[in-house]
mmCIF file of all heavy atoms, coordinates in Angstrom:
data_MODEL
# 
_entry.id   MODEL 
# 
loop_
_atom_site.group_PDB 
_atom_site.id 
_atom_site.type_symbol 
_atom_site.label_atom_id 
_atom_site.label_alt_id 
_atom_site.label_comp_id 
_atom_site.label_asym_id 
_atom_site.label_entity_id 
_atom_site.label_seq_id 
_atom_site.pdbx_PDB_ins_code 
_atom_site.Cartn_x 
_atom_site.Cartn_y 
_atom_site.Cartn_z 
_atom_site.occupancy 
_atom_site.B_iso_or_equiv 
_atom_site.pdbx_formal_charge 
_atom_site.auth_seq_id 
_atom_site.auth_comp_id 
_atom_site.auth_asym_id 
_atom_site.auth_atom_id 
_atom_site.pdbx_PDB_model_num 
ATOM 1   N N   . ALA A 1 1  ? -12.411 -55.306 34.090 1.00 0.00 ? 1  ALA A N   1 
ATOM 2   C CA  . ALA A 1 1  ? -11.157 -54.587 34.073 1.00 0.00 ? 1  ALA A CA  1 
ATOM 3   C C   . ALA A 1 1  ? -10.737 -54.222 35.545 1.00 0.00 ? 1  ALA A C   1 
ATOM 4   O O   . ALA A 1 1  ? -9.697  -54.742 35.926 1.00 0.00 ? 1  ALA A O   1 
ATOM 5   C CB  . ALA A 1 1  ? -11.369 -53.342 33.243 1.00 0.00 ? 1  ALA A CB  1 
ATOM 6   N N   . LEU A 1 2  ? -11.510 -53.380 36.190 1.00 0.00 ? 2  LEU A N   1 
ATOM 7   C CA  . LEU A 1 2  ? -10.989 -52.916 37.453 1.00 0.00 ? 2  LEU A CA  1 
ATOM 8   C C   . LEU A 1 2  ? -10.768 -53.997 38.463 1.00 0.00 ? 2  LEU A C   1 
ATOM 9   O O   . LEU A 1 2  ? -9.737  -54.097 39.113 1.00 0.00 ? 2  LEU A O   1 
ATOM 10  C CB  . LEU A 1 2  ? -11.931 -51.854 38.067 1.00 0.00 ? 2  LEU A CB  1 
ATOM 11  C CG  . LEU A 1 2  ? -11.670 -51.308 39.406 1.00 0.00 ? 2  LEU A CG  1 
ATOM 12  C CD1 . LEU A 1 2  ? -10.368 -50.490 39.390 1.00 0.00 ? 2  LEU A CD1 1 
ATOM 13  C CD2 . LEU A 1 2  ? -12.791 -50.432 39.945 1.00 0.00 ? 2  LEU A CD2 1 
ATOM 14  N N   . GLY A 1 3  ? -11.742 -54.877 38.628 1.00 0.00 ? 3  GLY A N   1 
ATOM 15  C CA  . GLY A 1 3  ? -11.646 -55.998 39.610 1.00 0.00 ? 3  GLY A CA  1 
ATOM 16  C C   . GLY A 1 3  ? -10.505 -56.941 39.277 1.00 0.00 ? 3  GLY A C   1 
ATOM 17  O O   . GLY A 1 3  ? -9.603  -57.180 40.143 1.00 0.00 ? 3  GLY A O   1 
ATOM 18  N N   . PRO A 1 4  ? -10.442 -57.504 38.060 1.00 0.00 ? 4  PRO A N   1 
ATOM 19  C CA  . PRO A 1 4  ? -9.380  -58.403 37.770 1.00 0.00 ? 4  PRO A CA  1 
ATOM 20  C C   . PRO A 1 4  ? -7.969  -57.831 37.852 1.00 0.00 ? 4  PRO A C   1 
ATOM 21  O O   . PRO A 1 4  ? -7.070  -58.513 38.366 1.00 0.00 ? 4  PRO A O   1 
ATOM 22  C CB  . PRO A 1 4  ? -9.645  -58.899 36.277 1.00 0.00 ? 4  PRO A CB  1 
ATOM 23  C CG  . PRO A 1 4  ? -11.161 -58.741 36.188 1.00 0.00 ? 4  PRO A CG  1 
ATOM 24  C CD  . PRO A 1 4  ? -11.465 -57.495 36.951 1.00 0.00 ? 4  PRO A CD  1 
ATOM 25  N N   . MET A 1 5  ? -7.776  -56.571 37.382 1.00 0.00 ? 5  MET A N   1 
ATOM 26  C CA  . MET A 1 5  ? -6.471  -55.936 37.446 1.00 0.00 ? 5  MET A CA  1 
ATOM 27  C C   . MET A 1 5  ? -6.054  -55.620 38.906 1.00 0.00 ? 5  MET A C   1 
ATOM 28  O O   . MET A 1 5  ? -4.926  -55.833 39.252 1.00 0.00 ? 5  MET A O   1 
ATOM 29  C CB  . MET A 1 5  ? -6.391  -54.724 36.586 1.00 0.00 ? 5  MET A CB  1 
ATOM 30  C CG  . MET A 1 5  ? -6.475  -54.978 35.096 1.00 0.00 ? 5  MET A CG  1 
ATOM 31  S SD  . MET A 1 5  ? -5.148  -56.108 34.437 1.00 0.00 ? 5  MET A SD  1 
ATOM 32  C CE  . MET A 1 5  ? -6.065  -57.681 34.293 1.00 0.00 ? 5  MET A CE  1 
ATOM 33  N N   . ALA A 1 6  ? -6.992  -55.162 39.623 1.00 0.00 ? 6  ALA A N   1 
ATOM 34  C CA  . ALA A 1 6  ? -6.695  -54.897 41.053 1.00 0.00 ? 6  ALA A CA  1 
ATOM 35  C C   . ALA A 1 6  ? -6.399  -56.131 41.835 1.00 0.00 ? 6  ALA A C   1 
ATOM 36  O O   . ALA A 1 6  ? -5.486  -56.201 42.628 1.00 0.00 ? 6  ALA A O   1 
ATOM 37  C CB  . ALA A 1 6  ? -7.893  -54.131 41.751 1.00 0.00 ? 6  ALA A CB  1 
ATOM 38  N N   . GLY A 1 7  ? -7.101  -57.253 41.524 1.00 0.00 ? 7  GLY A N   1 
ATOM 39  C CA  . GLY A 1 7  ? -6.831  -58.540 42.136 1.00 0.00 ? 7  GLY A CA  1 
ATOM 40  C C   . GLY A 1 7  ? -5.424  -59.017 41.826 1.00 0.00 ? 7  GLY A C   1 
ATOM 41  O O   . GLY A 1 7  ? -4.753  -59.485 42.664 1.00 0.00 ? 7  GLY A O   1 
ATOM 42  N N   . GLN A 1 8  ? -5.060  -58.861 40.537 1.00 0.00 ? 8  GLN A N   1 
ATOM 43  C CA  . GLN A 1 8  ? -3.655  -59.340 40.182 1.00 0.00 ? 8  GLN A CA  1 
ATOM 44  C C   . GLN A 1 8  ? -2.670  -58.386 40.812 1.00 0.00 ? 8  GLN A C   1 
ATOM 45  O O   . GLN A 1 8  ? -1.619  -58.920 41.292 1.00 0.00 ? 8  GLN A O   1 
ATOM 46  C CB  . GLN A 1 8  ? -3.534  -59.369 38.658 1.00 0.00 ? 8  GLN A CB  1 
ATOM 47  C CG  . GLN A 1 8  ? -4.337  -60.335 37.879 1.00 0.00 ? 8  GLN A CG  1 
ATOM 48  C CD  . GLN A 1 8  ? -3.931  -61.803 38.268 1.00 0.00 ? 8  GLN A CD  1 
ATOM 49  O OE1 . GLN A 1 8  ? -2.833  -62.035 38.628 1.00 0.00 ? 8  GLN A OE1 1 
ATOM 50  N NE2 . GLN A 1 8  ? -4.846  -62.796 37.987 1.00 0.00 ? 8  GLN A NE2 1 
ATOM 51  N N   . ALA A 1 9  ? -2.897  -57.161 40.847 1.00 0.00 ? 9  ALA A N   1 
ATOM 52  C CA  . ALA A 1 9  ? -1.867  -56.256 41.510 1.00 0.00 ? 9  ALA A CA  1 
ATOM 53  C C   . ALA A 1 9  ? -1.752  -56.529 42.970 1.00 0.00 ? 9  ALA A C   1 
ATOM 54  O O   . ALA A 1 9  ? -0.670  -56.638 43.516 1.00 0.00 ? 9  ALA A O   1 
ATOM 55  C CB  . ALA A 1 9  ? -2.408  -54.786 41.311 1.00 0.00 ? 9  ALA A CB  1 
ATOM 56  N N   . GLY A 1 10 ? -2.885  -56.797 43.652 1.00 0.00 ? 10 GLY A N   1 
ATOM 57  C CA  . GLY A 1 10 ? -2.817  -57.090 44.991 1.00 0.00 ? 10 GLY A CA  1 
ATOM 58  C C   . GLY A 1 10 ? -2.125  -58.488 45.232 1.00 0.00 ? 10 GLY A C   1 
ATOM 59  O O   . GLY A 1 10 ? -1.306  -58.616 46.192 1.00 0.00 ? 10 GLY A O   1 
ATOM 60  N N   . TYR A 1 11 ? -2.367  -59.497 44.400 1.00 0.00 ? 11 TYR A N   1 
ATOM 61  C CA  . TYR A 1 11 ? -1.728  -60.732 44.593 1.00 0.00 ? 11 TYR A CA  1 
ATOM 62  C C   . TYR A 1 11 ? -0.225  -60.643 44.473 1.00 0.00 ? 11 TYR A C   1 
ATOM 63  O O   . TYR A 1 11 ? 0.542   -61.196 45.350 1.00 0.00 ? 11 TYR A O   1 
ATOM 64  C CB  . TYR A 1 11 ? -2.265  -61.809 43.610 1.00 0.00 ? 11 TYR A CB  1 
ATOM 65  C CG  . TYR A 1 11 ? -1.496  -63.111 43.683 1.00 0.00 ? 11 TYR A CG  1 
ATOM 66  C CD1 . TYR A 1 11 ? -1.808  -63.985 44.679 1.00 0.00 ? 11 TYR A CD1 1 
ATOM 67  C CD2 . TYR A 1 11 ? -0.454  -63.425 42.738 1.00 0.00 ? 11 TYR A CD2 1 
ATOM 68  C CE1 . TYR A 1 11 ? -1.120  -65.180 44.778 1.00 0.00 ? 11 TYR A CE1 1 
ATOM 69  C CE2 . TYR A 1 11 ? 0.258   -64.511 42.919 1.00 0.00 ? 11 TYR A CE2 1 
ATOM 70  C CZ  . TYR A 1 11 ? -0.065  -65.430 43.907 1.00 0.00 ? 11 TYR A CZ  1 
ATOM 71  O OH  . TYR A 1 11 ? 0.597   -66.663 43.965 1.00 0.00 ? 11 TYR A OH  1 
ATOM 72  N N   . PHE A 1 12 ? 0.211   -60.030 43.374 1.00 0.00 ? 12 PHE A N   1 
ATOM 73  C CA  . PHE A 1 12 ? 1.673   -59.958 43.175 1.00 0.00 ? 12 PHE A CA  1 
ATOM 74  C C   . PHE A 1 12 ? 2.418   -59.060 44.129 1.00 0.00 ? 12 PHE A C   1 
ATOM 75  O O   . PHE A 1 12 ? 3.622   -59.180 44.325 1.00 0.00 ? 12 PHE A O   1 
ATOM 76  C CB  . PHE A 1 12 ? 1.962   -59.686 41.722 1.00 0.00 ? 12 PHE A CB  1 
ATOM 77  C CG  . PHE A 1 12 ? 1.811   -60.874 40.785 1.00 0.00 ? 12 PHE A CG  1 
ATOM 78  C CD1 . PHE A 1 12 ? 0.697   -60.945 39.933 1.00 0.00 ? 12 PHE A CD1 1 
ATOM 79  C CD2 . PHE A 1 12 ? 2.638   -61.963 40.725 1.00 0.00 ? 12 PHE A CD2 1 
ATOM 80  C CE1 . PHE A 1 12 ? 0.460   -62.011 39.085 1.00 0.00 ? 12 PHE A CE1 1 
ATOM 81  C CE2 . PHE A 1 12 ? 2.403   -62.990 39.996 1.00 0.00 ? 12 PHE A CE2 1 
ATOM 82  C CZ  . PHE A 1 12 ? 1.376   -63.070 39.157 1.00 0.00 ? 12 PHE A CZ  1 
ATOM 83  N N   . ARG A 1 13 ? 1.694   -57.987 44.578 1.00 0.00 ? 13 ARG A N   1 
ATOM 84  C CA  . ARG A 1 13 ? 2.326   -57.121 45.546 1.00 0.00 ? 13 ARG A CA  1 
ATOM 85  C C   . ARG A 1 13 ? 2.402   -57.550 46.900 1.00 0.00 ? 13 ARG A C   1 
ATOM 86  O O   . ARG A 1 13 ? 3.238   -57.209 47.775 1.00 0.00 ? 13 ARG A O   1 
ATOM 87  C CB  . ARG A 1 13 ? 1.618   -55.749 45.415 1.00 0.00 ? 13 ARG A CB  1 
ATOM 88  C CG  . ARG A 1 13 ? 1.719   -54.947 44.103 1.00 0.00 ? 13 ARG A CG  1 
ATOM 89  C CD  . ARG A 1 13 ? 0.948   -53.694 44.155 1.00 0.00 ? 13 ARG A CD  1 
ATOM 90  N NE  . ARG A 1 13 ? 1.605   -52.725 45.106 1.00 0.00 ? 13 ARG A NE  1 
ATOM 91  C CZ  . ARG A 1 13 ? 2.572   -51.948 44.746 1.00 0.00 ? 13 ARG A CZ  1 
ATOM 92  N NH1 . ARG A 1 13 ? 3.073   -51.832 43.551 1.00 0.00 ? 13 ARG A NH1 1 
ATOM 93  N NH2 . ARG A 1 13 ? 3.046   -51.114 45.657 1.00 0.00 ? 13 ARG A NH2 1 
ATOM 94  N N   . VAL A 1 14 ? 1.400   -58.440 47.317 1.00 0.00 ? 14 VAL A N   1 
ATOM 95  C CA  . VAL A 1 14 ? 1.234   -58.817 48.765 1.00 0.00 ? 14 VAL A CA  1 
ATOM 96  C C   . VAL A 1 14 ? 1.287   -60.329 48.908 1.00 0.00 ? 14 VAL A C   1 
ATOM 97  O O   . VAL A 1 14 ? 2.015   -60.768 49.879 1.00 0.00 ? 14 VAL A O   1 
ATOM 98  C CB  . VAL A 1 14 ? -0.108  -58.347 49.236 1.00 0.00 ? 14 VAL A CB  1 
ATOM 99  C CG1 . VAL A 1 14 ? -0.296  -58.788 50.739 1.00 0.00 ? 14 VAL A CG1 1 
ATOM 100 C CG2 . VAL A 1 14 ? -0.169  -56.853 49.137 1.00 0.00 ? 14 VAL A CG2 1 
ATOM 101 N N   . TYR A 1 15 ? 0.687   -61.121 48.106 1.00 0.00 ? 15 TYR A N   1 
ATOM 102 C CA  . TYR A 1 15 ? 0.539   -62.581 48.481 1.00 0.00 ? 15 TYR A CA  1 
ATOM 103 C C   . TYR A 1 15 ? 1.548   -63.489 47.665 1.00 0.00 ? 15 TYR A C   1 
ATOM 104 O O   . TYR A 1 15 ? 1.732   -64.715 48.129 1.00 0.00 ? 15 TYR A O   1 
ATOM 105 C CB  . TYR A 1 15 ? -0.827  -62.991 48.180 1.00 0.00 ? 15 TYR A CB  1 
ATOM 106 C CG  . TYR A 1 15 ? -1.904  -62.478 49.183 1.00 0.00 ? 15 TYR A CG  1 
ATOM 107 C CD1 . TYR A 1 15 ? -2.927  -61.623 48.764 1.00 0.00 ? 15 TYR A CD1 1 
ATOM 108 C CD2 . TYR A 1 15 ? -1.790  -62.919 50.470 1.00 0.00 ? 15 TYR A CD2 1 
ATOM 109 C CE1 . TYR A 1 15 ? -3.808  -61.211 49.703 1.00 0.00 ? 15 TYR A CE1 1 
ATOM 110 C CE2 . TYR A 1 15 ? -2.715  -62.521 51.441 1.00 0.00 ? 15 TYR A CE2 1 
ATOM 111 C CZ  . TYR A 1 15 ? -3.773  -61.612 51.028 1.00 0.00 ? 15 TYR A CZ  1 
ATOM 112 O OH  . TYR A 1 15 ? -4.655  -61.184 51.909 1.00 0.00 ? 15 TYR A OH  1 
ATOM 113 N N   . ALA A 1 16 ? 2.166   -63.060 46.632 1.00 0.00 ? 16 ALA A N   1 
ATOM 114 C CA  . ALA A 1 16 ? 3.011   -63.912 45.811 1.00 0.00 ? 16 ALA A CA  1 
ATOM 115 C C   . ALA A 1 16 ? 4.056   -64.505 46.749 1.00 0.00 ? 16 ALA A C   1 
ATOM 116 O O   . ALA A 1 16 ? 4.700   -63.781 47.529 1.00 0.00 ? 16 ALA A O   1 
ATOM 117 C CB  . ALA A 1 16 ? 3.527   -63.275 44.614 1.00 0.00 ? 16 ALA A CB  1 
ATOM 118 N N   . PRO A 1 17 ? 4.330   -65.937 46.639 1.00 0.00 ? 17 PRO A N   1 
ATOM 119 C CA  . PRO A 1 17 ? 5.381   -66.464 47.495 1.00 0.00 ? 17 PRO A CA  1 
ATOM 120 C C   . PRO A 1 17 ? 6.775   -65.945 47.236 1.00 0.00 ? 17 PRO A C   1 
ATOM 121 O O   . PRO A 1 17 ? 7.640   -66.033 48.230 1.00 0.00 ? 17 PRO A O   1 
ATOM 122 C CB  . PRO A 1 17 ? 5.217   -67.908 47.191 1.00 0.00 ? 17 PRO A CB  1 
ATOM 123 C CG  . PRO A 1 17 ? 4.615   -68.070 45.897 1.00 0.00 ? 17 PRO A CG  1 
ATOM 124 C CD  . PRO A 1 17 ? 3.660   -66.819 45.834 1.00 0.00 ? 17 PRO A CD  1 
ATOM 125 N N   . GLU A 1 18 ? 6.980   -65.364 46.095 1.00 0.00 ? 18 GLU A N   1 
ATOM 126 C CA  . GLU A 1 18 ? 8.327   -64.784 45.870 1.00 0.00 ? 18 GLU A CA  1 
ATOM 127 C C   . GLU A 1 18 ? 8.105   -63.624 44.880 1.00 0.00 ? 18 GLU A C   1 
ATOM 128 O O   . GLU A 1 18 ? 7.171   -63.573 44.184 1.00 0.00 ? 18 GLU A O   1 
ATOM 129 C CB  . GLU A 1 18 ? 9.259   -65.823 45.135 1.00 0.00 ? 18 GLU A CB  1 
ATOM 130 C CG  . GLU A 1 18 ? 8.728   -66.432 43.821 1.00 0.00 ? 18 GLU A CG  1 
ATOM 131 C CD  . GLU A 1 18 ? 9.598   -67.578 43.308 1.00 0.00 ? 18 GLU A CD  1 
ATOM 132 O OE1 . GLU A 1 18 ? 10.045  -68.345 44.123 1.00 0.00 ? 18 GLU A OE1 1 
ATOM 133 O OE2 . GLU A 1 18 ? 9.869   -67.493 42.112 1.00 0.00 ? 18 GLU A OE2 1 
ATOM 134 N N   . PRO A 1 19 ? 9.015   -62.626 44.940 1.00 0.00 ? 19 PRO A N   1 
ATOM 135 C CA  . PRO A 1 19 ? 8.855   -61.422 44.100 1.00 0.00 ? 19 PRO A CA  1 
ATOM 136 C C   . PRO A 1 19 ? 8.824   -61.763 42.564 1.00 0.00 ? 19 PRO A C   1 
ATOM 137 O O   . PRO A 1 19 ? 9.628   -62.525 42.182 1.00 0.00 ? 19 PRO A O   1 
ATOM 138 C CB  . PRO A 1 19 ? 10.006  -60.561 44.521 1.00 0.00 ? 19 PRO A CB  1 
ATOM 139 C CG  . PRO A 1 19 ? 10.441  -61.023 45.802 1.00 0.00 ? 19 PRO A CG  1 
ATOM 140 C CD  . PRO A 1 19 ? 10.247  -62.529 45.788 1.00 0.00 ? 19 PRO A CD  1 
ATOM 141 N N   . VAL A 1 20 ? 7.909   -61.089 41.903 1.00 0.00 ? 20 VAL A N   1 
ATOM 142 C CA  . VAL A 1 20 ? 7.900   -61.209 40.416 1.00 0.00 ? 20 VAL A CA  1 
ATOM 143 C C   . VAL A 1 20 ? 7.772   -59.738 39.961 1.00 0.00 ? 20 VAL A C   1 
ATOM 144 O O   . VAL A 1 20 ? 6.671   -59.227 39.675 1.00 0.00 ? 20 VAL A O   1 
ATOM 145 C CB  . VAL A 1 20 ? 6.616   -62.032 39.935 1.00 0.00 ? 20 VAL A CB  1 
ATOM 146 C CG1 . VAL A 1 20 ? 6.765   -62.246 38.443 1.00 0.00 ? 20 VAL A CG1 1 
ATOM 147 C CG2 . VAL A 1 20 ? 6.537   -63.327 40.706 1.00 0.00 ? 20 VAL A CG2 1 
ATOM 148 N N   . PRO A 1 21 ? 8.912   -59.058 39.786 1.00 0.00 ? 21 PRO A N   1 
ATOM 149 C CA  . PRO A 1 21 ? 8.910   -57.673 39.523 1.00 0.00 ? 21 PRO A CA  1 
ATOM 150 C C   . PRO A 1 21 ? 8.133   -57.347 38.176 1.00 0.00 ? 21 PRO A C   1 
ATOM 151 O O   . PRO A 1 21 ? 7.450   -56.300 38.126 1.00 0.00 ? 21 PRO A O   1 
ATOM 152 C CB  . PRO A 1 21 ? 10.359  -57.348 39.365 1.00 0.00 ? 21 PRO A CB  1 
ATOM 153 C CG  . PRO A 1 21 ? 11.101  -58.341 40.222 1.00 0.00 ? 21 PRO A CG  1 
ATOM 154 C CD  . PRO A 1 21 ? 10.231  -59.603 40.043 1.00 0.00 ? 21 PRO A CD  1 
ATOM 155 N N   . PHE A 1 22 ? 8.198   -58.155 37.167 1.00 0.00 ? 22 PHE A N   1 
ATOM 156 C CA  . PHE A 1 22 ? 7.618   -57.837 35.903 1.00 0.00 ? 22 PHE A CA  1 
ATOM 157 C C   . PHE A 1 22 ? 6.049   -57.799 36.170 1.00 0.00 ? 22 PHE A C   1 
ATOM 158 O O   . PHE A 1 22 ? 5.395   -56.891 35.698 1.00 0.00 ? 22 PHE A O   1 
ATOM 159 C CB  . PHE A 1 22 ? 7.939   -58.837 34.777 1.00 0.00 ? 22 PHE A CB  1 
ATOM 160 C CG  . PHE A 1 22 ? 7.071   -58.720 33.615 1.00 0.00 ? 22 PHE A CG  1 
ATOM 161 C CD1 . PHE A 1 22 ? 7.496   -57.760 32.684 1.00 0.00 ? 22 PHE A CD1 1 
ATOM 162 C CD2 . PHE A 1 22 ? 5.978   -59.496 33.340 1.00 0.00 ? 22 PHE A CD2 1 
ATOM 163 C CE1 . PHE A 1 22 ? 6.669   -57.626 31.519 1.00 0.00 ? 22 PHE A CE1 1 
ATOM 164 C CE2 . PHE A 1 22 ? 5.206   -59.357 32.215 1.00 0.00 ? 22 PHE A CE2 1 
ATOM 165 C CZ  . PHE A 1 22 ? 5.573   -58.367 31.321 1.00 0.00 ? 22 PHE A CZ  1 
ATOM 166 N N   . ALA A 1 23 ? 5.531   -58.763 36.906 1.00 0.00 ? 23 ALA A N   1 
ATOM 167 C CA  . ALA A 1 23 ? 4.071   -58.924 37.216 1.00 0.00 ? 23 ALA A CA  1 
ATOM 168 C C   . ALA A 1 23 ? 3.665   -57.721 37.992 1.00 0.00 ? 23 ALA A C   1 
ATOM 169 O O   . ALA A 1 23 ? 2.581   -57.032 37.714 1.00 0.00 ? 23 ALA A O   1 
ATOM 170 C CB  . ALA A 1 23 ? 3.775   -60.132 37.889 1.00 0.00 ? 23 ALA A CB  1 
ATOM 171 N N   . VAL A 1 24 ? 4.480   -57.387 39.067 1.00 0.00 ? 24 VAL A N   1 
ATOM 172 C CA  . VAL A 1 24 ? 4.053   -56.248 39.855 1.00 0.00 ? 24 VAL A CA  1 
ATOM 173 C C   . VAL A 1 24 ? 3.963   -54.930 39.034 1.00 0.00 ? 24 VAL A C   1 
ATOM 174 O O   . VAL A 1 24 ? 3.047   -54.213 39.118 1.00 0.00 ? 24 VAL A O   1 
ATOM 175 C CB  . VAL A 1 24 ? 5.070   -56.012 40.969 1.00 0.00 ? 24 VAL A CB  1 
ATOM 176 C CG1 . VAL A 1 24 ? 4.859   -54.682 41.762 1.00 0.00 ? 24 VAL A CG1 1 
ATOM 177 C CG2 . VAL A 1 24 ? 5.013   -57.139 41.981 1.00 0.00 ? 24 VAL A CG2 1 
ATOM 178 N N   . ALA A 1 25 ? 5.000   -54.725 38.176 1.00 0.00 ? 25 ALA A N   1 
ATOM 179 C CA  . ALA A 1 25 ? 4.987   -53.588 37.304 1.00 0.00 ? 25 ALA A CA  1 
ATOM 180 C C   . ALA A 1 25 ? 3.870   -53.496 36.348 1.00 0.00 ? 25 ALA A C   1 
ATOM 181 O O   . ALA A 1 25 ? 3.145   -52.558 36.119 1.00 0.00 ? 25 ALA A O   1 
ATOM 182 C CB  . ALA A 1 25 ? 6.332   -53.424 36.605 1.00 0.00 ? 25 ALA A CB  1 
ATOM 183 N N   . ARG A 1 26 ? 3.578   -54.674 35.712 1.00 0.00 ? 26 ARG A N   1 
ATOM 184 C CA  . ARG A 1 26 ? 2.535   -54.773 34.707 1.00 0.00 ? 26 ARG A CA  1 
ATOM 185 C C   . ARG A 1 26 ? 1.177   -54.417 35.273 1.00 0.00 ? 26 ARG A C   1 
ATOM 186 O O   . ARG A 1 26 ? 0.413   -53.619 34.711 1.00 0.00 ? 26 ARG A O   1 
ATOM 187 C CB  . ARG A 1 26 ? 2.543   -56.139 34.066 1.00 0.00 ? 26 ARG A CB  1 
ATOM 188 C CG  . ARG A 1 26 ? 1.467   -56.317 32.994 1.00 0.00 ? 26 ARG A CG  1 
ATOM 189 C CD  . ARG A 1 26 ? 1.495   -57.709 32.401 1.00 0.00 ? 26 ARG A CD  1 
ATOM 190 N NE  . ARG A 1 26 ? 0.582   -57.860 31.227 1.00 0.00 ? 26 ARG A NE  1 
ATOM 191 C CZ  . ARG A 1 26 ? -0.792  -58.031 31.259 1.00 0.00 ? 26 ARG A CZ  1 
ATOM 192 N NH1 . ARG A 1 26 ? -1.299  -58.113 32.564 1.00 0.00 ? 26 ARG A NH1 1 
ATOM 193 N NH2 . ARG A 1 26 ? -1.402  -58.134 30.211 1.00 0.00 ? 26 ARG A NH2 1 
ATOM 194 N N   . TYR A 1 27 ? 0.780   -55.171 36.369 1.00 0.00 ? 27 TYR A N   1 
ATOM 195 C CA  . TYR A 1 27 ? -0.494  -55.000 36.868 1.00 0.00 ? 27 TYR A CA  1 
ATOM 196 C C   . TYR A 1 27 ? -0.709  -53.630 37.588 1.00 0.00 ? 27 TYR A C   1 
ATOM 197 O O   . TYR A 1 27 ? -1.806  -53.100 37.582 1.00 0.00 ? 27 TYR A O   1 
ATOM 198 C CB  . TYR A 1 27 ? -0.989  -56.160 37.770 1.00 0.00 ? 27 TYR A CB  1 
ATOM 199 C CG  . TYR A 1 27 ? -1.056  -57.375 36.950 1.00 0.00 ? 27 TYR A CG  1 
ATOM 200 C CD1 . TYR A 1 27 ? -0.241  -58.509 37.112 1.00 0.00 ? 27 TYR A CD1 1 
ATOM 201 C CD2 . TYR A 1 27 ? -2.007  -57.528 36.038 1.00 0.00 ? 27 TYR A CD2 1 
ATOM 202 C CE1 . TYR A 1 27 ? -0.344  -59.632 36.389 1.00 0.00 ? 27 TYR A CE1 1 
ATOM 203 C CE2 . TYR A 1 27 ? -2.235  -58.702 35.257 1.00 0.00 ? 27 TYR A CE2 1 
ATOM 204 C CZ  . TYR A 1 27 ? -1.350  -59.776 35.487 1.00 0.00 ? 27 TYR A CZ  1 
ATOM 205 O OH  . TYR A 1 27 ? -1.562  -60.867 34.780 1.00 0.00 ? 27 TYR A OH  1 
ATOM 206 N N   . THR A 1 28 ? 0.351   -53.204 38.243 1.00 0.00 ? 28 THR A N   1 
ATOM 207 C CA  . THR A 1 28 ? 0.270   -51.847 38.867 1.00 0.00 ? 28 THR A CA  1 
ATOM 208 C C   . THR A 1 28 ? 0.094   -50.743 37.844 1.00 0.00 ? 28 THR A C   1 
ATOM 209 O O   . THR A 1 28 ? -0.775  -49.827 38.038 1.00 0.00 ? 28 THR A O   1 
ATOM 210 C CB  . THR A 1 28 ? 1.498   -51.582 39.742 1.00 0.00 ? 28 THR A CB  1 
ATOM 211 O OG1 . THR A 1 28 ? 1.692   -52.619 40.666 1.00 0.00 ? 28 THR A OG1 1 
ATOM 212 C CG2 . THR A 1 28 ? 1.386   -50.231 40.500 1.00 0.00 ? 28 THR A CG2 1 
# 
């Protein structure tokens, strides 16, 4: 739980090549 969700939050907030607001909101 903690690791996978933090990893996804980090990816979509920092590394994603383009903004994906739904993913940012969901994982955050």
